[in-house]
PDB file of N, CA and C in Angstrom:
ATOM      1  N   ASP A   1       0.782  -1.243  -0.046  1.00  0.00           N
ATOM      2  CA  ASP A   1       0.037   0.093   0.028  1.00  0.00           C
ATOM      3  C   ASP A   1       0.899   1.262   0.081  1.00  0.00           C
ATOM      4  N   LEU A   2       0.334   2.249  -0.945  1.00  0.00           N
ATOM      5  CA  LEU A   2       1.068   3.432  -0.740  1.00  0.00           C
ATOM      6  C   LEU A   2       0.745   4.412   0.396  1.00  0.00           C
ATOM      7  N   PRO A   3       1.643   5.215   0.823  1.00  0.00           N
ATOM      8  CA  PRO A   3       1.223   5.965   1.960  1.00  0.00           C
ATOM      9  C   PRO A   3       0.173   7.198   1.483  1.00  0.00           C
ATOM     10  N   VAL A   4      -0.609   7.706   2.314  1.00  0.00           N
ATOM     11  CA  VAL A   4      -1.635   8.618   1.828  1.00  0.00           C
ATOM     12  C   VAL A   4      -0.882   9.739   1.499  1.00  0.00           C
ATOM     13  N   MET A   5      -1.250  10.461   0.510  1.00  0.00           N
ATOM     14  CA  MET A   5      -0.596  11.763   0.097  1.00  0.00           C
ATOM     15  C   MET A   5      -0.914  12.725   1.123  1.00  0.00           C
ATOM     16  N   MET A   6      -0.011  13.668   1.502  1.00  0.00           N
ATOM     17  CA  MET A   6      -0.233  14.899   2.110  1.00  0.00           C
ATOM     18  C   MET A   6      -0.934  15.903   1.391  1.00  0.00           C
ATOM     19  N   PRO A   7      -1.645  16.655   2.162  1.00  0.00           N
ATOM     20  CA  PRO A   7      -2.165  17.836   1.330  1.00  0.00           C
ATOM     21  C   PRO A   7      -1.047  18.729   0.762  1.00  0.00           C
ATOM     22  N   PRO A   8      -1.409  19.316  -0.357  1.00  0.00           N
ATOM     23  CA  PRO A   8      -0.368  20.367  -0.767  1.00  0.00           C
ATOM     24  C   PRO A   8      -0.121  21.524   0.142  1.00  0.00           C
ATOM     25  N   CYS A   9       0.995  21.831   0.195  1.00  0.00           N
ATOM     26  CA  CYS A   9       1.568  23.042   1.111  1.00  0.00           C
ATOM     27  C   CYS A   9       1.306  24.320   0.543  1.00  0.00           C
ATOM     28  N   THR A  10       0.987  25.101   1.129  1.00  0.00           N
ATOM     29  CA  THR A  10       0.844  26.582   0.558  1.00  0.00           C
ATOM     30  C   THR A  10       2.338  27.092   0.106  1.00  0.00           C
ATOM     31  N   PRO A  11       2.537  27.460  -1.186  1.00  0.00           N
ATOM     32  CA  PRO A  11       3.902  27.925  -1.477  1.00  0.00           C
ATOM     33  C   PRO A  11       4.330  29.182  -0.817  1.00  0.00           C
ATOM     34  N   VAL A  12       5.589  29.173  -0.494  1.00  0.00           N
ATOM     35  CA  VAL A  12       6.268  30.358   0.141  1.00  0.00           C
ATOM     36  C   VAL A  12       6.438  31.448  -0.903  1.00  0.00           C
ATOM     37  N   GLN A  13       5.997  32.491  -0.510  1.00  0.00           N
ATOM     38  CA  GLN A  13       6.167  33.680  -1.526  1.00  0.00           C
ATOM     39  C   GLN A  13       7.320  34.654  -0.978  1.00  0.00           C
ATOM     40  N   ALA A  14       8.309  34.769  -1.886  1.00  0.00           N
ATOM     41  CA  ALA A  14       9.478  35.463  -1.680  1.00  0.00           C
ATOM     42  C   ALA A  14       9.156  36.751  -0.982  1.00  0.00           C
ATOM     43  N   ALA A  15       8.282  37.533  -1.589  1.00  0.00           N
ATOM     44  CA  ALA A  15       8.015  38.896  -1.087  1.00  0.00           C
ATOM     45  C   ALA A  15       7.385  39.105   0.241  1.00  0.00           C
ATOM     46  N   ARG A  16       6.705  37.911   0.549  1.00  0.00           N
ATOM     47  CA  ARG A  16       6.052  37.913   2.012  1.00  0.00           C
ATOM     48  C   ARG A  16       7.046  37.441   3.067  1.00  0.00           C
ATOM     49  N   LEU A  17       7.932  36.450   2.690  1.00  0.00           N
ATOM     50  CA  LEU A  17       9.220  36.207   3.610  1.00  0.00           C
ATOM     51  C   LEU A  17      10.010  37.295   3.776  1.00  0.00           C
ATOM     52  N   LYS A  18      10.342  37.997   2.736  1.00  0.00           N
ATOM     53  CA  LYS A  18      10.987  39.258   2.928  1.00  0.00           C
ATOM     54  C   LYS A  18      10.571  40.231   3.805  1.00  0.00           C
ATOM     55  N   SER A  19       9.397  40.413   3.659  1.00  0.00           N
ATOM     56  CA  SER A  19       8.613  41.536   4.647  1.00  0.00           C
ATOM     57  C   SER A  19       8.391  41.046   6.088  1.00  0.00           C
ATOM     58  N   GLU A  20       8.276  39.690   6.075  1.00  0.00           N
ATOM     59  CA  GLU A  20       8.142  39.141   7.509  1.00  0.00           C
ATOM     60  C   GLU A  20       9.573  39.276   8.190  1.00  0.00           C
ATOM     61  N   LEU A  21      10.516  39.147   7.446  1.00  0.00           N
ATOM     62  CA  LEU A  21      11.953  39.168   8.023  1.00  0.00           C
ATOM     63  C   LEU A  21      12.299  40.695   8.307  1.00  0.00           C
ATOM     64  N   LEU A  22      11.926  41.569   7.374  1.00  0.00           N
ATOM     65  CA  LEU A  22      12.253  43.063   7.541  1.00  0.00           C
ATOM     66  C   LEU A  22      11.476  43.525   8.765  1.00  0.00           C
ATOM     67  N   ALA A  23      10.251  42.899   9.180  1.00  0.00           N
ATOM     68  CA  ALA A  23       9.440  43.333  10.230  1.00  0.00           C
ATOM     69  C   ALA A  23       9.997  43.067  11.434  1.00  0.00           C
ATOM     70  N   ARG A  24      11.032  41.875  11.430  1.00  0.00           N
ATOM     71  CA  ARG A  24      11.369  41.508  12.772  1.00  0.00           C
ATOM     72  C   ARG A  24      12.815  42.105  13.084  1.00  0.00           C
ATOM     73  N   GLN A  25      13.234  42.983  12.430  1.00  0.00           N
ATOM     74  CA  GLN A  25      14.504  43.716  12.630  1.00  0.00           C
ATOM     75  C   GLN A  25      14.479  44.743  13.777  1.00  0.00           C
ATOM     76  N   THR A  26      15.538  44.720  14.455  1.00  0.00           N
ATOM     77  CA  THR A  26      15.535  45.676  15.510  1.00  0.00           C
ATOM     78  C   THR A  26      17.073  46.274  15.347  1.00  0.00           C
ATOM     79  N   PRO A  27      16.987  47.455  15.978  1.00  0.00           N
ATOM     80  CA  PRO A  27      18.524  48.182  15.876  1.00  0.00           C
ATOM     81  C   PRO A  27      19.766  47.189  16.388  1.00  0.00           C
ATOM     82  N   LEU A  28      20.807  47.307  15.699  1.00  0.00           N
ATOM     83  CA  LEU A  28      21.933  46.538  16.010  1.00  0.00           C
ATOM     84  C   LEU A  28      22.657  47.113  17.353  1.00  0.00           C
ATOM     85  N   PRO A  29      23.311  46.115  18.209  1.00  0.00           N
ATOM     86  CA  PRO A  29      24.109  46.720  19.312  1.00  0.00           C
ATOM     87  C   PRO A  29      25.137  47.566  18.666  1.00  0.00           C
ATOM     88  N   GLN A  30      25.628  48.544  19.402  1.00  0.00           N
ATOM     89  CA  GLN A  30      26.725  49.426  19.010  1.00  0.00           C
ATOM     90  C   GLN A  30      27.946  48.629  18.443  1.00  0.00           C
ATOM     91  N   ASP A  31      28.519  47.489  19.252  1.00  0.00           N
ATOM     92  CA  ASP A  31      29.551  46.649  18.848  1.00  0.00           C
ATOM     93  C   ASP A  31      29.317  46.125  17.627  1.00  0.00           C
ATOM     94  N   ALA A  32      28.068  45.630  17.127  1.00  0.00           N
ATOM     95  CA  ALA A  32      27.829  44.990  16.098  1.00  0.00           C
ATOM     96  C   ALA A  32      28.009  46.166  14.745  1.00  0.00           C
ATOM     97  N   GLU A  33      27.343  47.295  15.083  1.00  0.00           N
ATOM     98  CA  GLU A  33      27.576  48.414  14.058  1.00  0.00           C
ATOM     99  C   GLU A  33      29.050  48.658  13.720  1.00  0.00           C
ATOM    100  N   VAL A  34      29.678  48.768  14.801  1.00  0.00           N
ATOM    101  CA  VAL A  34      31.100  49.061  14.605  1.00  0.00           C
ATOM    102  C   VAL A  34      31.754  47.987  13.840  1.00  0.00           C
ATOM    103  N   LEU A  35      31.629  46.645  14.119  1.00  0.00           N
ATOM    104  CA  LEU A  35      32.128  45.556  13.273  1.00  0.00           C
ATOM    105  C   LEU A  35      31.763  45.752  12.046  1.00  0.00           C
ATOM    106  N   LEU A  36      30.537  45.688  11.608  1.00  0.00           N
ATOM    107  CA  LEU A  36      30.112  45.976  10.292  1.00  0.00           C
ATOM    108  C   LEU A  36      30.866  47.051   9.466  1.00  0.00           C
ATOM    109  N   LYS A  37      31.015  48.114  10.069  1.00  0.00           N
ATOM    110  CA  LYS A  37      31.505  49.293   9.423  1.00  0.00           C
ATOM    111  C   LYS A  37      33.065  49.006   9.263  1.00  0.00           C
ATOM    112  N   SER A  38      33.521  48.379  10.289  1.00  0.00           N
ATOM    113  CA  SER A  38      35.084  48.200  10.230  1.00  0.00           C
ATOM    114  C   SER A  38      35.316  47.191   9.067  1.00  0.00           C
ATOM    115  N   ILE A  39      34.473  46.200   8.894  1.00  0.00           N
ATOM    116  CA  ILE A  39      34.699  45.168   7.640  1.00  0.00           C
ATOM    117  C   ILE A  39      34.573  45.806   6.440  1.00  0.00           C
ATOM    118  N   ARG A  40      33.546  46.973   6.252  1.00  0.00           N
ATOM    119  CA  ARG A  40      33.371  47.524   5.068  1.00  0.00           C
ATOM    120  C   ARG A  40      34.718  48.478   4.748  1.00  0.00           C
ATOM    121  N   THR A  41      35.083  49.223   5.775  1.00  0.00           N
ATOM    122  CA  THR A  41      36.315  49.994   5.740  1.00  0.00           C
ATOM    123  C   THR A  41      37.499  49.351   5.215  1.00  0.00           C
ATOM    124  N   SER A  42      37.458  48.168   5.975  1.00  0.00           N
ATOM    125  CA  SER A  42      38.897  47.271   5.809  1.00  0.00           C
ATOM    126  C   SER A  42      38.951  46.953   4.375  1.00  0.00           C
ATOM    127  N   PHE A  43      37.832  46.446   3.792  1.00  0.00           N
ATOM    128  CA  PHE A  43      37.912  46.004   2.289  1.00  0.00           C
ATOM    129  C   PHE A  43      38.059  47.072   1.407  1.00  0.00           C
ATOM    130  N   ALA A  44      37.525  48.387   1.662  1.00  0.00           N
ATOM    131  CA  ALA A  44      37.697  49.452   0.973  1.00  0.00           C
ATOM    132  C   ALA A  44      39.268  49.781   0.934  1.00  0.00           C
ATOM    133  N   LYS A  45      39.982  49.883   1.994  1.00  0.00           N
ATOM    134  CA  LYS A  45      41.311  50.041   2.021  1.00  0.00           C
ATOM    135  C   LYS A  45      42.391  49.300   1.228  1.00  0.00           C
ATOM    136  N   VAL A  46      41.882  47.854   1.133  1.00  0.00           N
ATOM    137  CA  VAL A  46      42.541  46.909   0.133  1.00  0.00           C
ATOM    138  C   VAL A  46      42.012  47.020  -1.350  1.00  0.00           C
ATOM    139  N   LYS A  47      41.280  47.932  -1.674  1.00  0.00           N
ATOM    140  CA  LYS A  47      40.883  48.116  -3.156  1.00  0.00           C
ATOM    141  C   LYS A  47      39.911  46.998  -3.384  1.00  0.00           C
ATOM    142  N   ALA A  48      38.980  46.629  -2.396  1.00  0.00           N
ATOM    143  CA  ALA A  48      37.881  45.547  -2.809  1.00  0.00           C
ATOM    144  C   ALA A  48      36.633  45.957  -1.890  1.00  0.00           C
ATOM    145  N   PRO A  49      36.018  47.095  -2.323  1.00  0.00           N
ATOM    146  CA  PRO A  49      34.914  47.686  -1.748  1.00  0.00           C
ATOM    147  C   PRO A  49      33.743  46.745  -1.662  1.00  0.00           C
ATOM    148  N   ILE A  50      32.897  46.578  -0.752  1.00  0.00           N
ATOM    149  CA  ILE A  50      31.748  46.017  -0.558  1.00  0.00           C
ATOM    150  C   ILE A  50      30.705  46.899  -1.087  1.00  0.00           C
ATOM    151  N   SER A  51      29.830  46.493  -2.064  1.00  0.00           N
ATOM    152  CA  SER A  51      28.960  47.399  -2.707  1.00  0.00           C
ATOM    153  C   SER A  51      27.944  47.702  -1.622  1.00  0.00           C
ATOM    154  N   ILE A  52      27.194  48.708  -1.939  1.00  0.00           N
ATOM    155  CA  ILE A  52      26.217  49.339  -0.861  1.00  0.00           C
ATOM    156  C   ILE A  52      25.041  48.359  -0.809  1.00  0.00           C
ATOM    157  N   ARG A  53      24.759  47.822  -2.001  1.00  0.00           N
ATOM    158  CA  ARG A  53      23.796  46.918  -1.847  1.00  0.00           C
ATOM    159  C   ARG A  53      23.954  45.513  -1.194  1.00  0.00           C
ATOM    160  N   ARG A  54      25.269  45.078  -1.345  1.00  0.00           N
ATOM    161  CA  ARG A  54      25.561  43.836  -0.479  1.00  0.00           C
ATOM    162  C   ARG A  54      25.704  44.134   0.940  1.00  0.00           C
ATOM    163  N   PHE A  55      26.210  45.456   1.246  1.00  0.00           N
ATOM    164  CA  PHE A  55      26.358  45.678   2.611  1.00  0.00           C
ATOM    165  C   PHE A  55      24.856  45.835   3.189  1.00  0.00           C
ATOM    166  N   ALA A  56      23.931  46.471   2.474  1.00  0.00           N
ATOM    167  CA  ALA A  56      22.652  46.544   2.937  1.00  0.00           C
ATOM    168  C   ALA A  56      21.995  45.253   3.202  1.00  0.00           C
ATOM    169  N   LYS A  57      22.205  44.261   2.317  1.00  0.00           N
ATOM    170  CA  LYS A  57      21.663  42.939   2.469  1.00  0.00           C
ATOM    171  C   LYS A  57      22.151  42.376   3.798  1.00  0.00           C
ATOM    172  N   LEU A  58      23.578  42.446   3.940  1.00  0.00           N
ATOM    173  CA  LEU A  58      24.166  41.866   5.361  1.00  0.00           C
ATOM    174  C   LEU A  58      23.505  42.629   6.498  1.00  0.00           C
ATOM    175  N   TYR A  59      23.393  43.829   6.402  1.00  0.00           N
ATOM    176  CA  TYR A  59      23.092  44.768   7.590  1.00  0.00           C
ATOM    177  C   TYR A  59      21.662  44.339   7.810  1.00  0.00           C
ATOM    178  N   HIS A  60      20.533  44.021   6.919  1.00  0.00           N
ATOM    179  CA  HIS A  60      19.266  43.864   7.085  1.00  0.00           C
ATOM    180  C   HIS A  60      19.196  42.404   7.638  1.00  0.00           C
ATOM    181  N   PHE A  61      20.031  41.329   7.171  1.00  0.00           N
ATOM    182  CA  PHE A  61      19.985  40.081   7.446  1.00  0.00           C
ATOM    183  C   PHE A  61      20.311  39.961   8.970  1.00  0.00           C
ATOM    184  N   VAL A  62      21.331  40.686   9.418  1.00  0.00           N
ATOM    185  CA  VAL A  62      21.857  40.560  10.863  1.00  0.00           C
ATOM    186  C   VAL A  62      20.762  41.305  11.662  1.00  0.00           C
ATOM    187  N   ALA A  63      20.086  42.440  11.344  1.00  0.00           N
ATOM    188  CA  ALA A  63      19.240  43.023  12.126  1.00  0.00           C
ATOM    189  C   ALA A  63      17.908  42.179  12.386  1.00  0.00           C
ATOM    190  N   ALA A  64      17.644  41.340  11.261  1.00  0.00           N
ATOM    191  CA  ALA A  64      16.447  40.555  11.658  1.00  0.00           C
ATOM    192  C   ALA A  64      16.837  39.203  12.387  1.00  0.00           C
ATOM    193  N   ALA A  65      18.016  38.657  11.807  1.00  0.00           N
ATOM    194  CA  ALA A  65      18.466  37.374  12.351  1.00  0.00           C
ATOM    195  C   ALA A  65      18.979  37.278  13.778  1.00  0.00           C
ATOM    196  N   GLN A  66      19.292  38.482  14.307  1.00  0.00           N
ATOM    197  CA  GLN A  66      19.684  38.397  15.848  1.00  0.00           C
ATOM    198  C   GLN A  66      18.465  38.040  16.707  1.00  0.00           C
ATOM    199  N   ASN A  67      17.290  38.268  16.387  1.00  0.00           N
ATOM    200  CA  ASN A  67      16.176  37.979  16.985  1.00  0.00           C
ATOM    201  C   ASN A  67      15.559  36.597  16.800  1.00  0.00           C
ATOM    202  N   LEU A  68      16.078  35.892  15.705  1.00  0.00           N
ATOM    203  CA  LEU A  68      15.624  34.497  15.188  1.00  0.00           C
ATOM    204  C   LEU A  68      16.634  33.460  15.645  1.00  0.00           C
ATOM    205  N   MET A  69      17.890  33.635  15.631  1.00  0.00           N
ATOM    206  CA  MET A  69      18.793  32.714  15.794  1.00  0.00           C
ATOM    207  C   MET A  69      19.114  32.479  17.311  1.00  0.00           C
ATOM    208  N   SER A  70      19.407  31.218  17.536  1.00  0.00           N
ATOM    209  CA  SER A  70      19.476  30.905  19.085  1.00  0.00           C
ATOM    210  C   SER A  70      20.661  31.472  19.578  1.00  0.00           C
ATOM    211  N   GLY A  71      21.798  31.926  18.826  1.00  0.00           N
ATOM    212  CA  GLY A  71      23.012  32.449  19.265  1.00  0.00           C
ATOM    213  C   GLY A  71      22.847  33.992  19.144  1.00  0.00           C
ATOM    214  N   GLY A  72      21.786  34.312  18.994  1.00  0.00           N
ATOM    215  CA  GLY A  72      21.461  35.852  19.043  1.00  0.00           C
ATOM    216  C   GLY A  72      22.431  36.558  18.035  1.00  0.00           C
ATOM    217  N   ILE A  73      22.915  37.951  18.443  1.00  0.00           N
ATOM    218  CA  ILE A  73      23.690  38.674  17.504  1.00  0.00           C
ATOM    219  C   ILE A  73      24.910  38.056  17.188  1.00  0.00           C
ATOM    220  N   ALA A  74      25.798  37.336  17.942  1.00  0.00           N
ATOM    221  CA  ALA A  74      27.008  36.709  17.613  1.00  0.00           C
ATOM    222  C   ALA A  74      26.673  35.882  16.430  1.00  0.00           C
ATOM    223  N   ALA A  75      25.609  34.901  16.541  1.00  0.00           N
ATOM    224  CA  ALA A  75      25.351  33.926  15.549  1.00  0.00           C
ATOM    225  C   ALA A  75      24.894  34.703  14.135  1.00  0.00           C
ATOM    226  N   ALA A  76      24.225  35.780  14.369  1.00  0.00           N
ATOM    227  CA  ALA A  76      23.854  36.346  13.162  1.00  0.00           C
ATOM    228  C   ALA A  76      24.984  37.143  12.340  1.00  0.00           C
ATOM    229  N   LEU A  77      25.834  37.539  13.129  1.00  0.00           N
ATOM    230  CA  LEU A  77      27.052  38.281  12.448  1.00  0.00           C
ATOM    231  C   LEU A  77      27.816  37.262  11.775  1.00  0.00           C
ATOM    232  N   ASP A  78      27.979  36.040  12.520  1.00  0.00           N
ATOM    233  CA  ASP A  78      28.856  34.924  11.940  1.00  0.00           C
ATOM    234  C   ASP A  78      28.183  34.653  10.626  1.00  0.00           C
ATOM    235  N   GLU A  79      26.768  34.241  10.755  1.00  0.00           N
ATOM    236  CA  GLU A  79      26.250  33.653   9.497  1.00  0.00           C
ATOM    237  C   GLU A  79      26.140  34.934   8.431  1.00  0.00           C
ATOM    238  N   GLY A  80      26.079  36.070   8.854  1.00  0.00           N
ATOM    239  CA  GLY A  80      25.841  36.906   7.744  1.00  0.00           C
ATOM    240  C   GLY A  80      27.132  37.293   6.972  1.00  0.00           C
ATOM    241  N   VAL A  81      28.271  37.436   7.794  1.00  0.00           N
ATOM    242  CA  VAL A  81      29.498  37.578   7.187  1.00  0.00           C
ATOM    243  C   VAL A  81      30.005  36.350   6.321  1.00  0.00           C
ATOM    244  N   LEU A  82      29.696  35.218   6.726  1.00  0.00           N
ATOM    245  CA  LEU A  82      29.936  34.037   6.144  1.00  0.00           C
ATOM    246  C   LEU A  82      29.106  33.858   4.828  1.00  0.00           C
ATOM    247  N   THR A  83      27.842  34.507   4.847  1.00  0.00           N
ATOM    248  CA  THR A  83      26.857  34.189   3.691  1.00  0.00           C
ATOM    249  C   THR A  83      27.217  35.471   2.697  1.00  0.00           C
ATOM    250  N   TYR A  84      27.253  36.705   3.073  1.00  0.00           N
ATOM    251  CA  TYR A  84      27.286  37.719   2.291  1.00  0.00           C
ATOM    252  C   TYR A  84      28.727  38.356   1.927  1.00  0.00           C
ATOM    253  N   ILE A  85      29.712  38.052   2.714  1.00  0.00           N
ATOM    254  CA  ILE A  85      31.001  38.678   2.435  1.00  0.00           C
ATOM    255  C   ILE A  85      32.018  37.678   1.882  1.00  0.00           C
ATOM    256  N   VAL A  86      32.212  36.541   2.616  1.00  0.00           N
ATOM    257  CA  VAL A  86      33.309  35.577   2.413  1.00  0.00           C
ATOM    258  C   VAL A  86      33.243  34.813   0.921  1.00  0.00           C
ATOM    259  N   PRO A  87      31.914  34.550   0.398  1.00  0.00           N
ATOM    260  CA  PRO A  87      31.950  33.955  -0.859  1.00  0.00           C
ATOM    261  C   PRO A  87      32.213  35.054  -2.024  1.00  0.00           C
ATOM    262  N   PHE A  88      31.979  36.140  -1.730  1.00  0.00           N
ATOM    263  CA  PHE A  88      32.222  37.115  -2.794  1.00  0.00           C
ATOM    264  C   PHE A  88      33.510  37.908  -2.737  1.00  0.00           C
ATOM    265  N   ALA A  89      34.416  37.838  -1.900  1.00  0.00           N
ATOM    266  CA  ALA A  89      35.616  38.422  -1.678  1.00  0.00           C
ATOM    267  C   ALA A  89      36.691  37.577  -2.424  1.00  0.00           C
ATOM    268  N   ALA A  90      37.602  38.159  -3.068  1.00  0.00           N
ATOM    269  CA  ALA A  90      38.654  37.525  -3.660  1.00  0.00           C
ATOM    270  C   ALA A  90      39.606  36.983  -2.475  1.00  0.00           C
ATOM    271  N   PRO A  91      40.022  35.644  -2.699  1.00  0.00           N
ATOM    272  CA  PRO A  91      40.640  34.925  -1.743  1.00  0.00           C
ATOM    273  C   PRO A  91      41.800  35.865  -1.142  1.00  0.00           C
ATOM    274  N   GLU A  92      42.548  36.433  -1.850  1.00  0.00           N
ATOM    275  CA  GLU A  92      43.646  37.415  -1.266  1.00  0.00           C
ATOM    276  C   GLU A  92      43.169  38.470  -0.532  1.00  0.00           C
ATOM    277  N   LYS A  93      41.990  38.806  -0.614  1.00  0.00           N
ATOM    278  CA  LYS A  93      41.460  39.946   0.148  1.00  0.00           C
ATOM    279  C   LYS A  93      40.819  39.602   1.540  1.00  0.00           C
ATOM    280  N   LEU A  94      40.790  38.198   1.674  1.00  0.00           N
ATOM    281  CA  LEU A  94      40.033  37.721   2.923  1.00  0.00           C
ATOM    282  C   LEU A  94      40.848  37.753   4.068  1.00  0.00           C
ATOM    283  N   ALA A  95      42.256  38.132   3.934  1.00  0.00           N
ATOM    284  CA  ALA A  95      42.953  38.373   5.076  1.00  0.00           C
ATOM    285  C   ALA A  95      42.493  39.448   6.118  1.00  0.00           C
ATOM    286  N   VAL A  96      41.749  40.393   5.326  1.00  0.00           N
ATOM    287  CA  VAL A  96      41.644  41.553   6.262  1.00  0.00           C
ATOM    288  C   VAL A  96      40.468  41.265   7.256  1.00  0.00           C
ATOM    289  N   LEU A  97      39.995  40.135   7.141  1.00  0.00           N
ATOM    290  CA  LEU A  97      38.773  39.729   8.146  1.00  0.00           C
ATOM    291  C   LEU A  97      39.357  39.035   9.217  1.00  0.00           C
ATOM    292  N   SER A  98      40.539  38.418   9.289  1.00  0.00           N
ATOM    293  CA  SER A  98      40.947  37.645  10.280  1.00  0.00           C
ATOM    294  C   SER A  98      40.799  38.275  11.624  1.00  0.00           C
ATOM    295  N   ASP A  99      41.414  39.414  11.792  1.00  0.00           N
ATOM    296  CA  ASP A  99      41.398  40.067  13.097  1.00  0.00           C
ATOM    297  C   ASP A  99      40.084  40.505  13.467  1.00  0.00           C
ATOM    298  N   LEU A 100      39.477  41.084  12.523  1.00  0.00           N
ATOM    299  CA  LEU A 100      38.061  41.753  12.839  1.00  0.00           C
ATOM    300  C   LEU A 100      37.141  40.484  13.196  1.00  0.00           C
ATOM    301  N   CYS A 101      37.290  39.391  12.835  1.00  0.00           N
ATOM    302  CA  CYS A 101      36.205  38.188  13.085  1.00  0.00           C
ATOM    303  C   CYS A 101      36.734  37.149  13.804  1.00  0.00           C
ATOM    304  N   ALA A 102      37.682  37.572  14.812  1.00  0.00           N
ATOM    305  CA  ALA A 102      38.274  36.540  15.569  1.00  0.00           C
ATOM    306  C   ALA A 102      37.081  36.004  16.547  1.00  0.00           C
ATOM    307  N   ALA A 103      35.922  36.720  16.833  1.00  0.00           N
ATOM    308  CA  ALA A 103      34.844  36.234  17.636  1.00  0.00           C
ATOM    309  C   ALA A 103      33.881  35.392  16.783  1.00  0.00           C
ATOM    310  N   LEU A 104      34.070  35.284  15.585  1.00  0.00           N
ATOM    311  CA  LEU A 104      32.950  34.637  14.774  1.00  0.00           C
ATOM    312  C   LEU A 104      33.578  33.282  14.273  1.00  0.00           C
ATOM    313  N   PRO A 105      33.262  32.153  14.994  1.00  0.00           N
ATOM    314  CA  PRO A 105      33.918  30.905  14.754  1.00  0.00           C
ATOM    315  C   PRO A 105      33.664  30.247  13.354  1.00  0.00           C
ATOM    316  N   ARG A 106      32.568  30.337  12.888  1.00  0.00           N
ATOM    317  CA  ARG A 106      32.350  29.703  11.540  1.00  0.00           C
ATOM    318  C   ARG A 106      33.098  30.649  10.341  1.00  0.00           C
ATOM    319  N   THR A 107      32.910  31.853  10.497  1.00  0.00           N
ATOM    320  CA  THR A 107      33.861  32.838   9.606  1.00  0.00           C
ATOM    321  C   THR A 107      35.210  32.446   9.795  1.00  0.00           C
ATOM    322  N   LEU A 108      35.732  32.509  10.906  1.00  0.00           N
ATOM    323  CA  LEU A 108      37.111  32.207  11.115  1.00  0.00           C
ATOM    324  C   LEU A 108      37.575  30.830  10.471  1.00  0.00           C
ATOM    325  N   GLU A 109      36.895  29.935  10.604  1.00  0.00           N
ATOM    326  CA  GLU A 109      37.107  28.500  10.112  1.00  0.00           C
ATOM    327  C   GLU A 109      37.075  28.613   8.631  1.00  0.00           C
ATOM    328  N   ALA A 110      36.326  29.308   8.141  1.00  0.00           N
ATOM    329  CA  ALA A 110      36.234  29.316   6.599  1.00  0.00           C
ATOM    330  C   ALA A 110      37.521  30.111   6.046  1.00  0.00           C
ATOM    331  N   LEU A 111      37.886  31.227   6.812  1.00  0.00           N
ATOM    332  CA  LEU A 111      38.890  32.105   6.597  1.00  0.00           C
ATOM    333  C   LEU A 111      40.344  31.176   6.579  1.00  0.00           C
ATOM    334  N   ASN A 112      40.363  30.471   7.540  1.00  0.00           N
ATOM    335  CA  ASN A 112      41.513  29.726   7.718  1.00  0.00           C
ATOM    336  C   ASN A 112      41.605  28.444   6.632  1.00  0.00           C
ATOM    337  N   LYS A 113      40.714  28.200   5.968  1.00  0.00           N
ATOM    338  CA  LYS A 113      40.739  27.311   4.995  1.00  0.00           C
ATOM    339  C   LYS A 113      40.877  27.963   3.605  1.00  0.00           C
ATOM    340  N   ASN A 114      40.634  29.193   3.495  1.00  0.00           N
ATOM    341  CA  ASN A 114      40.948  30.126   2.288  1.00  0.00           C
ATOM    342  C   ASN A 114      42.087  30.891   2.330  1.00  0.00           C
ATOM    343  N   VAL A 115      42.635  31.303   3.415  1.00  0.00           N
ATOM    344  CA  VAL A 115      43.672  32.371   3.378  1.00  0.00           C
ATOM    345  C   VAL A 115      45.026  31.440   3.418  1.00  0.00           C
TER     346      VAL A 115
END
């Protein structure tokens, strides 16, 4: 016998998901603001600027995810930098993150594999 088919799920709408996440944003702690600005400044200094659009995505992700992730702001920063910065930076430019991201374990692990 075949299992009974489950009823179809309601499809996730990207626009609704995005609006739900944006609605959950709260201001970042001062330390997080400073870290994100330092990351952006460091990349600019090595002639690898982070675009305003990418930085905005990172910022909005962290602002929403800090309230949703079990690790709070630290987990949100770690996931955000790992998702929005590390994959798009030239490998030789990633070294600028090493000191800044010492408290972000997953990002640091990725950097140690790539640098």
